[in-house]
Amino acid sequence: MTEFEFQLFCLGLDTGDEAFLDRLYEAGCGDATVYFKDGYACPDFARQADSAEQAILSAIRNFESAGTGGTVERVGPEDLASLSEIAQRVGVTRASLQKYARGESRVGRDFPAPVQNMSLPRRELFSTSHVMRWMLRRRRSGIPAEALELYSAIAGINQALEFRRVCNDPNVDRLISLLPPDVRLPRSSSSR
């Protein structure tokens, strides 16, 4: 078993109920410290499990079954990050990652492309898990396997949480119906 550290960002938690912390504890969230930030309840977990995915999914189940009215919106630390944030996470300099990203190094030819560009100049967001995989393939850093596993699990679970959130949104259904048939995403019967 490995210990994984992550946060849940939750909305709808009934904090007027003075027993909400007791309910979270009784539901299995005794390994979390709860704080509040920007309108979110943020249980900060240090959970032991056989895998990062198992740790995060069990924390989500425990939190949402506590009867506090809260639902998990996303998991942190976010997979999407700036090169500066990723450099800090993997223990290398920002300059070295920028050199790879700009193609200024022979080694960086196939460096992962940014996943998102912000409106600010040179504010690109990259997938931490993609950059970690690249660095491990190129032997550029001694990243612990647990760190890559955690960021990969967070990326996938955040996509699933976003899908769950929009799944029953009538506007999303309307927009999907307007897409050309070869672009539409298959919808499983369990998602309805």
Protein backbone atom coordinates (compact mmCIF):
# COMPACT_ATOMS: atom_id res chain seq x y z
CA MET A 1 0.00 0.00 0.00
CA THR A 2 1.14 3.49 -0.89
CA GLU A 3 0.05 6.79 0.59
CA PHE A 4 -1.29 9.30 -1.94
CA GLU A 5 -1.86 12.98 -1.17
CA PHE A 6 -4.59 14.89 -3.03
CA GLN A 7 -7.46 17.31 -2.50
CA LEU A 8 -11.12 17.17 -3.44
CA PHE A 9 -12.85 20.40 -4.48
CA CYS A 10 -16.47 20.09 -3.38
CA LEU A 11 -19.61 22.19 -3.67
CA GLY A 12 -22.94 22.02 -1.88
CA LEU A 13 -21.60 21.00 1.52
CA ASP A 14 -24.07 21.93 4.25
CA THR A 15 -21.75 23.65 6.73
CA GLY A 16 -24.72 24.95 8.73
CA ASP A 17 -25.04 21.45 10.11
CA GLU A 18 -22.54 21.49 12.96
CA ALA A 19 -22.13 17.72 12.71
CA PHE A 20 -20.86 17.76 9.10
CA LEU A 21 -17.28 16.99 10.20
CA ASP A 22 -18.53 14.04 12.27
CA ARG A 23 -20.50 12.78 9.26
CA LEU A 24 -17.41 12.99 7.05
CA TYR A 25 -15.38 11.09 9.65
CA GLU A 26 -18.04 8.39 10.02
CA ALA A 27 -18.25 8.02 6.21
CA GLY A 28 -14.53 7.17 6.03
CA CYS A 29 -12.91 10.59 5.62
CA GLY A 30 -10.89 10.41 8.85
CA ASP A 31 -7.70 10.73 6.79
CA ALA A 32 -8.68 14.17 5.51
CA THR A 33 -8.28 17.70 6.80
CA VAL A 34 -11.08 19.97 5.60
CA TYR A 35 -10.47 23.59 4.70
CA PHE A 36 -12.46 26.11 2.67
CA LYS A 37 -11.18 28.05 -0.32
CA ASP A 38 -12.94 30.19 -2.95
CA GLY A 39 -16.36 28.76 -2.10
CA TYR A 40 -15.18 25.14 -2.14
CA ALA A 41 -14.91 22.68 0.71
CA CYS A 42 -11.50 21.09 0.20
CA PRO A 43 -10.81 17.87 2.06
CA ASP A 44 -7.06 17.33 1.86
CA PHE A 45 -6.40 13.57 1.89
CA ALA A 46 -3.40 11.42 2.73
CA ARG A 47 -4.93 8.06 1.77
CA GLN A 48 -3.31 4.65 1.63
CA ALA A 49 -4.36 2.35 -1.20
CA ASP A 50 -3.01 -0.09 -3.76
CA SER A 51 -3.29 2.56 -6.50
CA ALA A 52 -3.81 6.30 -6.85
CA GLU A 53 -7.06 5.72 -8.73
CA GLN A 54 -8.35 3.49 -5.94
CA ALA A 55 -7.36 6.08 -3.30
CA ILE A 56 -9.09 8.96 -5.07
CA LEU A 57 -12.25 7.07 -6.04
CA SER A 58 -12.69 5.72 -2.50
CA ALA A 59 -12.30 9.25 -1.10
CA ILE A 60 -14.93 10.55 -3.54
CA ARG A 61 -17.33 7.73 -2.60
CA ASN A 62 -16.73 8.32 1.12
CA PHE A 63 -17.21 12.07 0.83
CA GLU A 64 -20.38 11.90 -1.28
CA SER A 65 -21.95 9.19 0.91
CA ALA A 66 -21.54 11.25 4.09
CA GLY A 67 -24.97 12.85 3.79
CA THR A 68 -23.64 16.41 3.82
CA GLY A 69 -25.12 17.34 0.43
CA GLY A 70 -21.66 17.91 -1.04
CA THR A 71 -20.51 16.71 -4.45
CA VAL A 72 -16.97 16.51 -5.76
CA GLU A 73 -16.31 18.88 -8.67
CA ARG A 74 -12.63 18.10 -9.25
CA VAL A 75 -9.48 16.64 -7.76
CA GLY A 76 -6.20 18.45 -7.15
CA PRO A 77 -3.39 19.02 -7.65
CA GLU A 78 -4.51 19.73 -11.21
CA ASP A 79 -2.81 17.79 -13.98
CA LEU A 80 -2.83 20.93 -16.16
CA ALA A 81 -0.07 23.28 -15.06
CA SER A 82 2.44 25.83 -16.31
CA LEU A 83 5.99 24.75 -17.05
CA SER A 84 7.07 26.54 -13.86
CA GLU A 85 4.64 24.50 -11.77
CA ILE A 86 5.64 21.25 -13.48
CA ALA A 87 9.34 22.03 -13.01
CA GLN A 88 8.73 22.44 -9.29
CA ARG A 89 6.73 19.18 -9.18
CA VAL A 90 9.43 17.13 -10.91
CA GLY A 91 12.46 18.80 -9.38
CA VAL A 92 14.08 20.41 -12.44
CA THR A 93 14.61 24.02 -13.46
CA ARG A 94 11.97 25.94 -15.34
CA ALA A 95 14.63 26.94 -17.88
CA SER A 96 15.33 23.32 -18.81
CA LEU A 97 11.65 22.57 -19.42
CA GLN A 98 11.26 25.77 -21.45
CA LYS A 99 14.27 24.77 -23.55
CA TYR A 100 12.65 21.40 -24.32
CA ALA A 101 9.22 22.94 -24.99
CA ARG A 102 10.64 25.50 -27.44
CA GLY A 103 12.58 22.81 -29.30
CA GLU A 104 15.91 24.40 -28.42
CA SER A 105 17.35 21.02 -27.51
CA ARG A 106 17.84 17.97 -29.68
CA VAL A 107 16.33 15.91 -26.86
CA GLY A 108 13.18 18.06 -26.75
CA ARG A 109 12.04 17.46 -30.34
CA ASP A 110 9.04 15.41 -29.22
CA PHE A 111 8.28 17.31 -25.99
CA PRO A 112 4.51 17.23 -25.27
CA ALA A 113 2.59 20.13 -26.79
CA PRO A 114 0.64 22.49 -24.56
CA VAL A 115 -2.85 21.25 -23.81
CA GLN A 116 -4.26 24.75 -23.41
CA ASN A 117 -3.14 28.28 -24.23
CA MET A 118 -4.25 31.07 -21.93
CA SER A 119 -4.92 34.60 -23.16
CA LEU A 120 -1.85 35.86 -21.36
CA PRO A 121 1.32 35.83 -23.46
CA ARG A 122 3.43 32.68 -22.99
CA ARG A 123 0.95 31.24 -20.49
CA GLU A 124 0.58 27.73 -21.80
CA LEU A 125 -0.71 24.84 -19.75
CA PHE A 126 0.78 21.37 -20.11
CA SER A 127 -0.32 17.99 -18.81
CA THR A 128 1.90 17.14 -15.85
CA SER A 129 1.46 13.41 -16.48
CA HIS A 130 2.43 13.78 -20.18
CA VAL A 131 5.56 15.76 -19.28
CA MET A 132 6.47 13.25 -16.56
CA ARG A 133 6.12 10.34 -19.01
CA TRP A 134 8.27 12.19 -21.53
CA MET A 135 10.93 12.90 -18.91
CA LEU A 136 11.02 9.28 -17.81
CA ARG A 137 11.33 8.05 -21.43
CA ARG A 138 14.18 10.51 -22.01
CA ARG A 139 15.74 9.74 -18.62
CA ARG A 140 15.68 13.43 -17.71
CA SER A 141 14.54 13.05 -14.12
CA GLY A 142 14.15 10.48 -11.38
CA ILE A 143 10.40 10.95 -10.99
CA PRO A 144 8.88 8.50 -8.49
CA ALA A 145 6.40 6.11 -10.14
CA GLU A 146 3.79 7.12 -7.54
CA ALA A 147 3.92 10.75 -8.70
CA LEU A 148 3.23 9.80 -12.32
CA GLU A 149 0.50 7.42 -11.20
CA LEU A 150 -1.14 10.16 -9.10
CA TYR A 151 -1.19 12.79 -11.85
CA SER A 152 -2.41 10.28 -14.44
CA ALA A 153 -5.23 9.19 -12.11
CA ILE A 154 -6.18 12.80 -11.35
CA ALA A 155 -6.34 13.65 -15.07
CA GLY A 156 -8.65 10.72 -15.84
CA ILE A 157 -10.87 11.17 -12.80
CA ASN A 158 -11.27 14.91 -13.46
CA GLN A 159 -12.42 14.09 -17.00
CA ALA A 160 -14.94 11.62 -15.57
CA LEU A 161 -16.17 14.19 -13.02
CA GLU A 162 -16.60 16.78 -15.79
CA PHE A 163 -18.51 14.27 -17.92
CA ARG A 164 -20.74 13.44 -14.94
CA ARG A 165 -21.40 17.15 -14.42
CA VAL A 166 -22.43 17.87 -18.02
CA CYS A 167 -24.03 14.51 -18.77
CA ASN A 168 -27.55 15.65 -17.93
CA ASP A 169 -27.19 19.23 -19.11
CA PRO A 170 -29.88 19.83 -21.77
CA ASN A 171 -27.73 22.44 -23.50
CA VAL A 172 -24.83 19.98 -23.85
CA ASP A 173 -27.23 17.36 -25.26
CA ARG A 174 -28.55 19.96 -27.72
CA LEU A 175 -25.05 20.91 -28.86
CA ILE A 176 -24.03 17.27 -29.27
CA SER A 177 -27.08 16.68 -31.44
CA LEU A 178 -25.94 19.54 -33.70
CA LEU A 179 -22.47 18.12 -34.28
CA PRO A 180 -21.85 16.18 -37.48
CA PRO A 181 -22.49 12.44 -36.89
CA ASP A 182 -18.84 11.41 -37.25
CA VAL A 183 -17.83 13.87 -34.49
CA ARG A 184 -20.50 12.90 -31.95
CA LEU A 185 -19.38 11.05 -28.90
CA PRO A 186 -21.04 7.72 -28.17
CA ARG A 187 -23.21 7.92 -25.08
CA SER A 188 -23.46 4.79 -23.00
CA SER A 189 -26.87 3.81 -21.71
CA SER A 190 -25.49 3.99 -18.17
CA SER A 191 -24.74 7.71 -18.57
CA ARG A 192 -28.39 8.66 -19.08
